[in-house]
Amino acid sequence: MTTAIATTPQSGRLRFAVMGAGAVGCYFGALLARAGHAVTLIGRPPHVQAIEAHGLRLQTAAQDVQVPMGASTDASAVAGADVVLLCVKSTDTESAARQIQPHLSPGALVLTLQNGVDNDERVRAVLGPTQPVAAAVVYVATAMVGPGHVRHFGRGELVLAPAPQIKRLVRELAEAGIPAQVSDNVRGALWAKLVINCAYNALSAIVQQPYGWLVQQDGAADVIADLVAECLAVAAADGVQLPGDVDAAVRAIARTMPGQLSSTAQDLARGKPSEIEHLNGYVAKRGAALGVATPVNRALLVLVRMAEAGRRPQA
């Protein structure tokens, strides 16, 4: 049974818009709205209609609540926001940036909460040098399970690049229950997450199984190790310094999120285009440019492409 909660935007708080109200954007938007921030979600009609009628349903291990907030299908709804969370698929980055550009306040911070390592650069190329843009690394397991209904499975922290008002943003995120830290090496953190995505996403998509099941299969650990080794070789050739113990982080994902299907698996199951070109595809492309062989990443890229093509209706 869901519980409706009252949310009243509090004056003096940062105002947020979420461009791309999928699982990640809805989850963070709900936490911010629940904490008294003015939040507008921008998404597809079925989600917007459900949110307008009943609020956003936020389901976690501890609660199941309806959170009232603004919702729109139009990119113009970013107008007046202090912070825009860009949560569209990496395949739609430039398109979304062009849609919001005419409506952004001059000092509004555009924060990219996306898979891949170059979305902030691609947004900056569209919006120009005067619009504040910063990358965020997202560690959260969520899924949309119906119109206006997001389910949270685990984690929920952010690593942010330095940006205007960043200290205030980190403080207000923390007050909303969103742990966030600022790092001077967000590029390395983005690459560390990319390695994890390359290790699991395509495999999970091809067999439509969660991480815990994958690592129990004979030979899977060796394939994952090969994927990680290729990614690290490309990162090293590209001058990227990855923080922490990446191999340990890769192993930990299967242990801490054993029931999680990758976002690529979810896209494939729904017949939607995946972000594989910006995951294993990015590693293969960057490796080719740097003279680093990436046969395992390239093979998984091609396999996911074929799986996507096989699910498209035949002309």
C-alpha atoms as a PDB file:
ATOM      1  CA  MET A   1       0.000   0.000   0.000  1.00  0.00           C
ATOM      2  CA  THR A   2       1.368   3.393  -0.958  1.00  0.00           C
ATOM      3  CA  THR A   3       1.306   6.425   1.305  1.00  0.00           C
ATOM      4  CA  ALA A   4       0.759   9.922  -0.067  1.00  0.00           C
ATOM      5  CA  ILE A   5       3.126  12.487   1.393  1.00  0.00           C
ATOM      6  CA  ALA A   6       2.797  16.262   1.357  1.00  0.00           C
ATOM      7  CA  THR A   7       5.621  18.251  -0.207  1.00  0.00           C
ATOM      8  CA  THR A   8       5.802  22.018  -0.071  1.00  0.00           C
ATOM      9  CA  PRO A   9       8.702  23.676  -1.928  1.00  0.00           C
ATOM     10  CA  GLN A  10      10.667  25.766   0.550  1.00  0.00           C
ATOM     11  CA  SER A  11      11.934  29.233  -0.334  1.00  0.00           C
ATOM     12  CA  GLY A  12      15.685  29.662  -0.513  1.00  0.00           C
ATOM     13  CA  ARG A  13      16.245  26.127  -1.816  1.00  0.00           C
ATOM     14  CA  LEU A  14      17.739  25.332  -5.208  1.00  0.00           C
ATOM     15  CA  ARG A  15      15.148  24.652  -7.908  1.00  0.00           C
ATOM     16  CA  PHE A  16      15.637  21.498  -9.981  1.00  0.00           C
ATOM     17  CA  ALA A  17      14.507  20.257 -13.367  1.00  0.00           C
ATOM     18  CA  VAL A  18      15.120  16.697 -14.535  1.00  0.00           C
ATOM     19  CA  MET A  19      15.516  16.326 -18.293  1.00  0.00           C
ATOM     20  CA  GLY A  20      14.846  12.663 -18.982  1.00  0.00           C
ATOM     21  CA  ALA A  21      12.543  11.360 -16.270  1.00  0.00           C
ATOM     22  CA  GLY A  22      13.619   7.730 -16.352  1.00  0.00           C
ATOM     23  CA  ALA A  23      14.633   5.597 -13.402  1.00  0.00           C
ATOM     24  CA  VAL A  24      17.663   7.655 -12.333  1.00  0.00           C
ATOM     25  CA  GLY A  25      16.028  11.041 -12.798  1.00  0.00           C
ATOM     26  CA  CYS A  26      12.789  10.006 -11.094  1.00  0.00           C
ATOM     27  CA  TYR A  27      14.619   8.567  -8.096  1.00  0.00           C
ATOM     28  CA  PHE A  28      16.741  11.629  -7.402  1.00  0.00           C
ATOM     29  CA  GLY A  29      13.867  13.959  -8.280  1.00  0.00           C
ATOM     30  CA  ALA A  30      11.620  12.228  -5.757  1.00  0.00           C
ATOM     31  CA  LEU A  31      14.182  12.557  -2.963  1.00  0.00           C
ATOM     32  CA  LEU A  32      14.680  16.248  -3.729  1.00  0.00           C
ATOM     33  CA  ALA A  33      10.935  16.969  -3.876  1.00  0.00           C
ATOM     34  CA  ARG A  34      10.346  15.065  -0.650  1.00  0.00           C
ATOM     35  CA  ALA A  35      12.961  17.316   1.013  1.00  0.00           C
ATOM     36  CA  GLY A  36      11.149  20.484  -0.020  1.00  0.00           C
ATOM     37  CA  HIS A  37      12.788  21.383  -3.311  1.00  0.00           C
ATOM     38  CA  ALA A  38      10.815  22.584  -6.302  1.00  0.00           C
ATOM     39  CA  VAL A  39      11.308  19.782  -8.854  1.00  0.00           C
ATOM     40  CA  THR A  40       9.948  19.398 -12.383  1.00  0.00           C
ATOM     41  CA  LEU A  41      10.340  16.093 -14.193  1.00  0.00           C
ATOM     42  CA  ILE A  42      10.434  16.173 -17.995  1.00  0.00           C
ATOM     43  CA  GLY A  43       9.580  12.874 -19.610  1.00  0.00           C
ATOM     44  CA  ARG A  44       7.275  10.880 -21.844  1.00  0.00           C
ATOM     45  CA  PRO A  45       3.474  11.341 -21.754  1.00  0.00           C
ATOM     46  CA  PRO A  46       2.523   8.146 -19.845  1.00  0.00           C
ATOM     47  CA  HIS A  47       4.878   9.003 -16.978  1.00  0.00           C
ATOM     48  CA  VAL A  48       3.923  12.671 -16.928  1.00  0.00           C
ATOM     49  CA  GLN A  49       0.193  11.869 -16.905  1.00  0.00           C
ATOM     50  CA  ALA A  50       0.629   9.422 -14.010  1.00  0.00           C
ATOM     51  CA  ILE A  51       2.715  11.894 -12.007  1.00  0.00           C
ATOM     52  CA  GLU A  52       0.281  14.740 -12.615  1.00  0.00           C
ATOM     53  CA  ALA A  53      -2.617  12.553 -11.458  1.00  0.00           C
ATOM     54  CA  HIS A  54      -1.092  10.819  -8.437  1.00  0.00           C
ATOM     55  CA  GLY A  55       2.457  12.056  -7.865  1.00  0.00           C
ATOM     56  CA  LEU A  56       5.526   9.926  -8.463  1.00  0.00           C
ATOM     57  CA  ARG A  57       5.452   6.537  -6.771  1.00  0.00           C
ATOM     58  CA  LEU A  58       8.793   5.922  -5.052  1.00  0.00           C
ATOM     59  CA  GLN A  59       9.243   2.339  -3.886  1.00  0.00           C
ATOM     60  CA  THR A  60      12.275   1.384  -1.796  1.00  0.00           C
ATOM     61  CA  ALA A  61      13.093  -1.365   0.682  1.00  0.00           C
ATOM     62  CA  ALA A  62      11.918   0.917   3.491  1.00  0.00           C
ATOM     63  CA  GLN A  63       8.937   2.782   2.020  1.00  0.00           C
ATOM     64  CA  ASP A  64       6.330   2.999  -0.715  1.00  0.00           C
ATOM     65  CA  VAL A  65       5.136   6.587  -1.143  1.00  0.00           C
ATOM     66  CA  GLN A  66       3.514   8.944  -3.652  1.00  0.00           C
ATOM     67  CA  VAL A  67       5.557  12.136  -3.988  1.00  0.00           C
ATOM     68  CA  PRO A  68       3.824  15.158  -5.580  1.00  0.00           C
ATOM     69  CA  MET A  69       5.954  17.194  -7.985  1.00  0.00           C
ATOM     70  CA  GLY A  70       5.807  19.016 -11.269  1.00  0.00           C
ATOM     71  CA  ALA A  71       5.929  17.111 -14.551  1.00  0.00           C
ATOM     72  CA  SER A  72       5.967  18.081 -18.204  1.00  0.00           C
ATOM     73  CA  THR A  73       6.610  16.623 -21.645  1.00  0.00           C
ATOM     74  CA  ASP A  74       8.160  19.907 -22.856  1.00  0.00           C
ATOM     75  CA  ALA A  75      11.833  20.854 -22.537  1.00  0.00           C
ATOM     76  CA  SER A  76      10.759  24.452 -21.844  1.00  0.00           C
ATOM     77  CA  ALA A  77       9.953  23.292 -18.300  1.00  0.00           C
ATOM     78  CA  VAL A  78      13.656  23.709 -17.425  1.00  0.00           C
ATOM     79  CA  ALA A  79      13.039  27.473 -17.372  1.00  0.00           C
ATOM     80  CA  GLY A  80      13.760  28.941 -13.955  1.00  0.00           C
ATOM     81  CA  ALA A  81      15.686  25.939 -12.662  1.00  0.00           C
ATOM     82  CA  ASP A  82      18.954  26.523 -10.798  1.00  0.00           C
ATOM     83  CA  VAL A  83      20.133  22.973 -11.560  1.00  0.00           C
ATOM     84  CA  VAL A  84      19.151  20.765 -14.495  1.00  0.00           C
ATOM     85  CA  LEU A  85      19.813  17.058 -14.040  1.00  0.00           C
ATOM     86  CA  LEU A  86      20.410  15.651 -17.519  1.00  0.00           C
ATOM     87  CA  CYS A  87      19.362  12.010 -17.291  1.00  0.00           C
ATOM     88  CA  VAL A  88      18.632  11.086 -20.907  1.00  0.00           C
ATOM     89  CA  LYS A  89      20.303   8.142 -22.600  1.00  0.00           C
ATOM     90  CA  SER A  90      23.799   8.908 -23.858  1.00  0.00           C
ATOM     91  CA  THR A  91      22.506   8.409 -27.401  1.00  0.00           C
ATOM     92  CA  ASP A  92      20.233  11.456 -26.895  1.00  0.00           C
ATOM     93  CA  THR A  93      22.723  13.831 -25.257  1.00  0.00           C
ATOM     94  CA  GLU A  94      23.133  16.386 -28.054  1.00  0.00           C
ATOM     95  CA  SER A  95      19.436  16.336 -28.913  1.00  0.00           C
ATOM     96  CA  ALA A  96      18.427  16.985 -25.294  1.00  0.00           C
ATOM     97  CA  ALA A  97      21.000  19.762 -24.933  1.00  0.00           C
ATOM     98  CA  ARG A  98      19.621  21.502 -28.019  1.00  0.00           C
ATOM     99  CA  GLN A  99      16.062  21.187 -26.692  1.00  0.00           C
ATOM    100  CA  ILE A 100      16.819  22.802 -23.331  1.00  0.00           C
ATOM    101  CA  GLN A 101      19.261  25.431 -24.603  1.00  0.00           C
ATOM    102  CA  PRO A 102      16.725  28.187 -25.407  1.00  0.00           C
ATOM    103  CA  HIS A 103      15.076  27.853 -21.992  1.00  0.00           C
ATOM    104  CA  LEU A 104      18.050  27.686 -19.609  1.00  0.00           C
ATOM    105  CA  SER A 105      18.716  30.467 -17.137  1.00  0.00           C
ATOM    106  CA  PRO A 106      22.184  31.948 -17.824  1.00  0.00           C
ATOM    107  CA  GLY A 107      23.704  30.629 -14.599  1.00  0.00           C
ATOM    108  CA  ALA A 108      21.833  27.330 -14.415  1.00  0.00           C
ATOM    109  CA  LEU A 109      24.106  24.350 -13.808  1.00  0.00           C
ATOM    110  CA  VAL A 110      23.577  21.416 -16.174  1.00  0.00           C
ATOM    111  CA  LEU A 111      24.659  18.248 -14.400  1.00  0.00           C
ATOM    112  CA  THR A 112      25.085  15.120 -16.540  1.00  0.00           C
ATOM    113  CA  LEU A 113      23.909  11.999 -14.655  1.00  0.00           C
ATOM    114  CA  GLN A 114      24.552   9.522 -17.466  1.00  0.00           C
ATOM    115  CA  ASN A 115      26.476   6.446 -18.457  1.00  0.00           C
ATOM    116  CA  GLY A 116      29.614   7.004 -20.489  1.00  0.00           C
ATOM    117  CA  VAL A 117      32.586   9.296 -19.986  1.00  0.00           C
ATOM    118  CA  ASP A 118      32.133  12.202 -22.402  1.00  0.00           C
ATOM    119  CA  ASN A 119      28.570  13.478 -21.980  1.00  0.00           C
ATOM    120  CA  ASP A 120      29.614  16.707 -20.258  1.00  0.00           C
ATOM    121  CA  GLU A 121      31.977  17.506 -23.144  1.00  0.00           C
ATOM    122  CA  ARG A 122      29.230  16.821 -25.681  1.00  0.00           C
ATOM    123  CA  VAL A 123      26.745  19.022 -23.776  1.00  0.00           C
ATOM    124  CA  ARG A 124      29.302  21.808 -23.459  1.00  0.00           C
ATOM    125  CA  ALA A 125      29.892  21.686 -27.215  1.00  0.00           C
ATOM    126  CA  VAL A 126      26.166  22.385 -27.763  1.00  0.00           C
ATOM    127  CA  LEU A 127      25.551  24.922 -24.995  1.00  0.00           C
ATOM    128  CA  GLY A 128      28.775  26.888 -25.353  1.00  0.00           C
ATOM    129  CA  PRO A 129      31.444  27.922 -22.854  1.00  0.00           C
ATOM    130  CA  THR A 130      29.353  30.327 -20.758  1.00  0.00           C
ATOM    131  CA  GLN A 131      26.729  27.804 -19.575  1.00  0.00           C
ATOM    132  CA  PRO A 132      27.920  25.911 -16.475  1.00  0.00           C
ATOM    133  CA  VAL A 133      28.127  22.172 -17.214  1.00  0.00           C
ATOM    134  CA  ALA A 134      29.538  19.469 -14.946  1.00  0.00           C
ATOM    135  CA  ALA A 135      29.699  15.686 -14.940  1.00  0.00           C
ATOM    136  CA  ALA A 136      28.340  13.480 -12.194  1.00  0.00           C
ATOM    137  CA  VAL A 137      29.123   9.835 -11.570  1.00  0.00           C
ATOM    138  CA  VAL A 138      25.985   7.975 -10.472  1.00  0.00           C
ATOM    139  CA  TYR A 139      26.000   4.850  -8.335  1.00  0.00           C
ATOM    140  CA  VAL A 140      22.411   3.669  -7.973  1.00  0.00           C
ATOM    141  CA  ALA A 141      20.279   0.657  -8.896  1.00  0.00           C
ATOM    142  CA  THR A 142      16.788   1.694  -9.974  1.00  0.00           C
ATOM    143  CA  ALA A 143      14.154   0.760 -12.525  1.00  0.00           C
ATOM    144  CA  MET A 144      10.877   2.132 -13.840  1.00  0.00           C
ATOM    145  CA  VAL A 145       8.290  -0.559 -13.170  1.00  0.00           C
ATOM    146  CA  GLY A 146       5.311   1.330 -14.543  1.00  0.00           C
ATOM    147  CA  PRO A 147       4.135   4.814 -15.539  1.00  0.00           C
ATOM    148  CA  GLY A 148       5.090   7.206 -12.750  1.00  0.00           C
ATOM    149  CA  HIS A 149       6.506   4.348 -10.635  1.00  0.00           C
ATOM    150  CA  VAL A 150      10.210   4.067  -9.826  1.00  0.00           C
ATOM    151  CA  ARG A 151      11.738   1.296  -7.722  1.00  0.00           C
ATOM    152  CA  HIS A 152      15.035   1.601  -5.882  1.00  0.00           C
ATOM    153  CA  PHE A 153      17.186  -1.493  -5.342  1.00  0.00           C
ATOM    154  CA  GLY A 154      20.367  -0.098  -3.836  1.00  0.00           C
ATOM    155  CA  ARG A 155      22.930   2.648  -3.359  1.00  0.00           C
ATOM    156  CA  GLY A 156      22.314   6.236  -4.472  1.00  0.00           C
ATOM    157  CA  GLU A 157      25.481   8.328  -4.185  1.00  0.00           C
ATOM    158  CA  LEU A 158      27.001  10.858  -6.567  1.00  0.00           C
ATOM    159  CA  VAL A 159      30.517  12.041  -7.362  1.00  0.00           C
ATOM    160  CA  LEU A 160      30.512  15.546  -8.828  1.00  0.00           C
ATOM    161  CA  ALA A 161      32.964  17.627 -10.790  1.00  0.00           C
ATOM    162  CA  PRO A 162      33.814  21.094  -9.440  1.00  0.00           C
ATOM    163  CA  ALA A 163      31.285  23.694 -10.589  1.00  0.00           C
ATOM    164  CA  PRO A 164      29.629  26.974  -9.547  1.00  0.00           C
ATOM    165  CA  GLN A 165      27.525  26.620  -6.377  1.00  0.00           C
ATOM    166  CA  ILE A 166      28.842  23.094  -5.950  1.00  0.00           C
ATOM    167  CA  LYS A 167      29.263  23.356  -2.164  1.00  0.00           C
ATOM    168  CA  ARG A 168      25.681  24.525  -1.770  1.00  0.00           C
ATOM    169  CA  LEU A 169      24.492  21.785  -4.102  1.00  0.00           C
ATOM    170  CA  VAL A 170      26.326  19.075  -2.141  1.00  0.00           C
ATOM    171  CA  ARG A 171      24.833  20.382   1.089  1.00  0.00           C
ATOM    172  CA  GLU A 172      21.282  20.414  -0.245  1.00  0.00           C
ATOM    173  CA  LEU A 173      21.698  16.985  -1.816  1.00  0.00           C
ATOM    174  CA  ALA A 174      22.856  15.614   1.535  1.00  0.00           C
ATOM    175  CA  GLU A 175      19.832  17.138   3.264  1.00  0.00           C
ATOM    176  CA  ALA A 176      17.650  15.284   0.747  1.00  0.00           C
ATOM    177  CA  GLY A 177      19.339  11.967   1.557  1.00  0.00           C
ATOM    178  CA  ILE A 178      21.624  11.945  -1.478  1.00  0.00           C
ATOM    179  CA  PRO A 179      25.278  11.447  -0.492  1.00  0.00           C
ATOM    180  CA  ALA A 180      27.533  13.470  -2.815  1.00  0.00           C
ATOM    181  CA  GLN A 181      31.187  14.391  -2.917  1.00  0.00           C
ATOM    182  CA  VAL A 182      33.245  16.632  -5.167  1.00  0.00           C
ATOM    183  CA  SER A 183      36.275  15.190  -6.943  1.00  0.00           C
ATOM    184  CA  ASP A 184      39.005  16.757  -9.053  1.00  0.00           C
ATOM    185  CA  ASN A 185      39.270  13.424 -10.878  1.00  0.00           C
ATOM    186  CA  VAL A 186      35.708  12.911 -12.086  1.00  0.00           C
ATOM    187  CA  ARG A 187      37.082  11.729 -15.433  1.00  0.00           C
ATOM    188  CA  GLY A 188      38.824   8.886 -13.628  1.00  0.00           C
ATOM    189  CA  ALA A 189      35.662   8.120 -11.642  1.00  0.00           C
ATOM    190  CA  LEU A 190      33.600   8.087 -14.832  1.00  0.00           C
ATOM    191  CA  TRP A 191      36.077   5.652 -16.353  1.00  0.00           C
ATOM    192  CA  ALA A 192      35.948   3.457 -13.241  1.00  0.00           C
ATOM    193  CA  LYS A 193      32.167   3.218 -13.644  1.00  0.00           C
ATOM    194  CA  LEU A 194      32.598   2.637 -17.394  1.00  0.00           C
ATOM    195  CA  VAL A 195      34.799  -0.375 -16.610  1.00  0.00           C
ATOM    196  CA  ILE A 196      32.067  -1.828 -14.385  1.00  0.00           C
ATOM    197  CA  ASN A 197      29.448  -1.225 -17.064  1.00  0.00           C
ATOM    198  CA  CYS A 198      31.630  -2.832 -19.722  1.00  0.00           C
ATOM    199  CA  ALA A 199      32.208  -5.830 -17.469  1.00  0.00           C
ATOM    200  CA  TYR A 200      28.513  -6.582 -16.877  1.00  0.00           C
ATOM    201  CA  ASN A 201      26.070  -4.664 -19.065  1.00  0.00           C
ATOM    202  CA  ALA A 202      26.471  -6.464 -22.368  1.00  0.00           C
ATOM    203  CA  LEU A 203      26.682  -9.925 -20.789  1.00  0.00           C
ATOM    204  CA  SER A 204      23.567  -9.263 -18.712  1.00  0.00           C
ATOM    205  CA  ALA A 205      21.769  -8.013 -21.836  1.00  0.00           C
ATOM    206  CA  ILE A 206      22.684 -10.950 -24.064  1.00  0.00           C
ATOM    207  CA  VAL A 207      21.522 -13.611 -21.607  1.00  0.00           C
ATOM    208  CA  GLN A 208      18.885 -11.465 -19.819  1.00  0.00           C
ATOM    209  CA  GLN A 209      20.219 -12.452 -16.405  1.00  0.00           C
ATOM    210  CA  PRO A 210      21.292 -10.430 -13.347  1.00  0.00           C
ATOM    211  CA  TYR A 211      24.847  -9.896 -12.139  1.00  0.00           C
ATOM    212  CA  GLY A 212      24.794 -12.558  -9.432  1.00  0.00           C
ATOM    213  CA  TRP A 213      23.783 -15.255 -11.921  1.00  0.00           C
ATOM    214  CA  LEU A 214      26.437 -14.159 -14.416  1.00  0.00           C
ATOM    215  CA  VAL A 215      29.411 -14.579 -12.125  1.00  0.00           C
ATOM    216  CA  GLN A 216      28.334 -18.095 -11.161  1.00  0.00           C
ATOM    217  CA  GLN A 217      28.598 -19.382 -14.736  1.00  0.00           C
ATOM    218  CA  ASP A 218      31.634 -21.392 -15.844  1.00  0.00           C
ATOM    219  CA  GLY A 219      34.157 -19.170 -17.605  1.00  0.00           C
ATOM    220  CA  ALA A 220      32.326 -15.903 -16.910  1.00  0.00           C
ATOM    221  CA  ALA A 221      34.968 -14.646 -14.488  1.00  0.00           C
ATOM    222  CA  ASP A 222      37.651 -15.020 -17.160  1.00  0.00           C
ATOM    223  CA  VAL A 223      35.607 -13.107 -19.734  1.00  0.00           C
ATOM    224  CA  ILE A 224      34.945 -10.326 -17.222  1.00  0.00           C
ATOM    225  CA  ALA A 225      38.649 -10.203 -16.390  1.00  0.00           C
ATOM    226  CA  ASP A 226      39.490  -9.852 -20.101  1.00  0.00           C
ATOM    227  CA  LEU A 227      36.955  -7.034 -20.481  1.00  0.00           C
ATOM    228  CA  VAL A 228      38.380  -5.185 -17.496  1.00  0.00           C
ATOM    229  CA  ALA A 229      41.973  -5.637 -18.669  1.00  0.00           C
ATOM    230  CA  GLU A 230      41.132  -4.145 -22.074  1.00  0.00           C
ATOM    231  CA  CYS A 231      39.372  -1.177 -20.497  1.00  0.00           C
ATOM    232  CA  LEU A 232      42.284  -0.483 -18.174  1.00  0.00           C
ATOM    233  CA  ALA A 233      44.743  -0.684 -21.070  1.00  0.00           C
ATOM    234  CA  VAL A 234      42.749   1.886 -23.058  1.00  0.00           C
ATOM    235  CA  ALA A 235      42.410   4.159 -20.021  1.00  0.00           C
ATOM    236  CA  ALA A 236      46.157   4.003 -19.398  1.00  0.00           C
ATOM    237  CA  ALA A 237      46.902   4.816 -23.036  1.00  0.00           C
ATOM    238  CA  ASP A 238      44.489   7.754 -22.767  1.00  0.00           C
ATOM    239  CA  GLY A 239      46.225   9.134 -19.688  1.00  0.00           C
ATOM    240  CA  VAL A 240      43.306   8.444 -17.342  1.00  0.00           C
ATOM    241  CA  GLN A 241      44.059   7.804 -13.667  1.00  0.00           C
ATOM    242  CA  LEU A 242      41.382   5.532 -12.220  1.00  0.00           C
ATOM    243  CA  PRO A 243      40.748   5.931  -8.475  1.00  0.00           C
ATOM    244  CA  GLY A 244      40.661   3.019  -6.052  1.00  0.00           C
ATOM    245  CA  ASP A 245      40.843  -0.699  -6.704  1.00  0.00           C
ATOM    246  CA  VAL A 246      38.868  -1.191  -9.919  1.00  0.00           C
ATOM    247  CA  ASP A 247      39.098  -5.010  -9.860  1.00  0.00           C
ATOM    248  CA  ALA A 248      37.658  -5.058  -6.328  1.00  0.00           C
ATOM    249  CA  ALA A 249      34.878  -2.669  -7.384  1.00  0.00           C
ATOM    250  CA  VAL A 250      33.961  -4.935 -10.300  1.00  0.00           C
ATOM    251  CA  ARG A 251      33.753  -7.960  -8.010  1.00  0.00           C
ATOM    252  CA  ALA A 252      31.724  -6.025  -5.440  1.00  0.00           C
ATOM    253  CA  ILE A 253      28.944  -5.178  -7.901  1.00  0.00           C
ATOM    254  CA  ALA A 254      27.900  -8.805  -8.301  1.00  0.00           C
ATOM    255  CA  ARG A 255      28.006  -9.250  -4.538  1.00  0.00           C
ATOM    256  CA  THR A 256      26.079  -6.092  -3.597  1.00  0.00           C
ATOM    257  CA  MET A 257      23.587  -6.113  -6.515  1.00  0.00           C
ATOM    258  CA  PRO A 258      23.136  -9.818  -7.329  1.00  0.00           C
ATOM    259  CA  GLY A 259      19.566  -9.413  -8.562  1.00  0.00           C
ATOM    260  CA  GLN A 260      20.188  -6.372 -10.763  1.00  0.00           C
ATOM    261  CA  LEU A 261      19.676  -6.556 -14.525  1.00  0.00           C
ATOM    262  CA  SER A 262      21.865  -4.083 -16.378  1.00  0.00           C
ATOM    263  CA  SER A 263      20.311  -1.018 -17.999  1.00  0.00           C
ATOM    264  CA  THR A 264      21.374  -2.497 -21.349  1.00  0.00           C
ATOM    265  CA  ALA A 265      19.448  -5.685 -20.534  1.00  0.00           C
ATOM    266  CA  GLN A 266      16.377  -3.638 -19.611  1.00  0.00           C
ATOM    267  CA  ASP A 267      16.600  -1.658 -22.856  1.00  0.00           C
ATOM    268  CA  LEU A 268      16.982  -4.815 -24.926  1.00  0.00           C
ATOM    269  CA  ALA A 269      14.029  -6.501 -23.214  1.00  0.00           C
ATOM    270  CA  ARG A 270      11.816  -3.486 -23.970  1.00  0.00           C
ATOM    271  CA  GLY A 271      12.951  -3.184 -27.563  1.00  0.00           C
ATOM    272  CA  LYS A 272      14.606   0.180 -26.905  1.00  0.00           C
ATOM    273  CA  PRO A 273      17.966   1.345 -28.274  1.00  0.00           C
ATOM    274  CA  SER A 274      20.715   0.714 -25.736  1.00  0.00           C
ATOM    275  CA  GLU A 275      23.778   2.750 -24.802  1.00  0.00           C
ATOM    276  CA  ILE A 276      26.180   0.024 -25.915  1.00  0.00           C
ATOM    277  CA  GLU A 277      27.952   2.405 -28.341  1.00  0.00           C
ATOM    278  CA  HIS A 278      28.885   4.567 -25.337  1.00  0.00           C
ATOM    279  CA  LEU A 279      30.009   1.622 -23.190  1.00  0.00           C
ATOM    280  CA  ASN A 280      31.891  -1.291 -24.814  1.00  0.00           C
ATOM    281  CA  GLY A 281      31.610   0.619 -28.087  1.00  0.00           C
ATOM    282  CA  TYR A 282      33.413   3.629 -26.653  1.00  0.00           C
ATOM    283  CA  VAL A 283      36.247   1.434 -25.363  1.00  0.00           C
ATOM    284  CA  ALA A 284      36.571  -0.282 -28.749  1.00  0.00           C
ATOM    285  CA  LYS A 285      36.542   3.034 -30.627  1.00  0.00           C
ATOM    286  CA  ARG A 286      38.989   4.742 -28.266  1.00  0.00           C
ATOM    287  CA  GLY A 287      41.220   1.662 -28.286  1.00  0.00           C
ATOM    288  CA  ALA A 288      41.352   1.723 -32.075  1.00  0.00           C
ATOM    289  CA  ALA A 289      42.333   5.403 -32.010  1.00  0.00           C
ATOM    290  CA  LEU A 290      45.090   4.721 -29.467  1.00  0.00           C
ATOM    291  CA  GLY A 291      46.383   1.486 -30.993  1.00  0.00           C
ATOM    292  CA  VAL A 292      45.127  -0.735 -28.142  1.00  0.00           C
ATOM    293  CA  ALA A 293      43.473  -4.033 -29.097  1.00  0.00           C
ATOM    294  CA  THR A 294      40.009  -4.592 -27.583  1.00  0.00           C
ATOM    295  CA  PRO A 295      38.680  -7.827 -29.161  1.00  0.00           C
ATOM    296  CA  VAL A 296      36.415  -8.836 -26.260  1.00  0.00           C
ATOM    297  CA  ASN A 297      34.777  -5.430 -25.935  1.00  0.00           C
ATOM    298  CA  ARG A 298      34.357  -5.296 -29.720  1.00  0.00           C
ATOM    299  CA  ALA A 299      32.782  -8.764 -29.774  1.00  0.00           C
ATOM    300  CA  LEU A 300      30.227  -7.838 -27.106  1.00  0.00           C
ATOM    301  CA  LEU A 301      29.470  -4.587 -28.918  1.00  0.00           C
ATOM    302  CA  VAL A 302      28.661  -6.524 -32.086  1.00  0.00           C
ATOM    303  CA  LEU A 303      26.630  -9.159 -30.218  1.00  0.00           C
ATOM    304  CA  VAL A 304      24.441  -6.526 -28.551  1.00  0.00           C
ATOM    305  CA  ARG A 305      24.019  -4.729 -31.876  1.00  0.00           C
ATOM    306  CA  MET A 306      22.846  -7.999 -33.430  1.00  0.00           C
ATOM    307  CA  ALA A 307      20.496  -8.692 -30.526  1.00  0.00           C
ATOM    308  CA  GLU A 308      18.985  -5.225 -30.972  1.00  0.00           C
ATOM    309  CA  ALA A 309      18.616  -5.719 -34.721  1.00  0.00           C
ATOM    310  CA  GLY A 310      16.992  -9.113 -34.194  1.00  0.00           C
ATOM    311  CA  ARG A 311      14.287  -7.578 -32.008  1.00  0.00           C
ATOM    312  CA  ARG A 312      13.377  -4.786 -34.438  1.00  0.00           C
ATOM    313  CA  PRO A 313      10.311  -5.428 -36.631  1.00  0.00           C
ATOM    314  CA  GLN A 314      11.254  -6.586 -40.112  1.00  0.00           C
ATOM    315  CA  ALA A 315      10.278  -4.275 -42.947  1.00  0.00           C
END
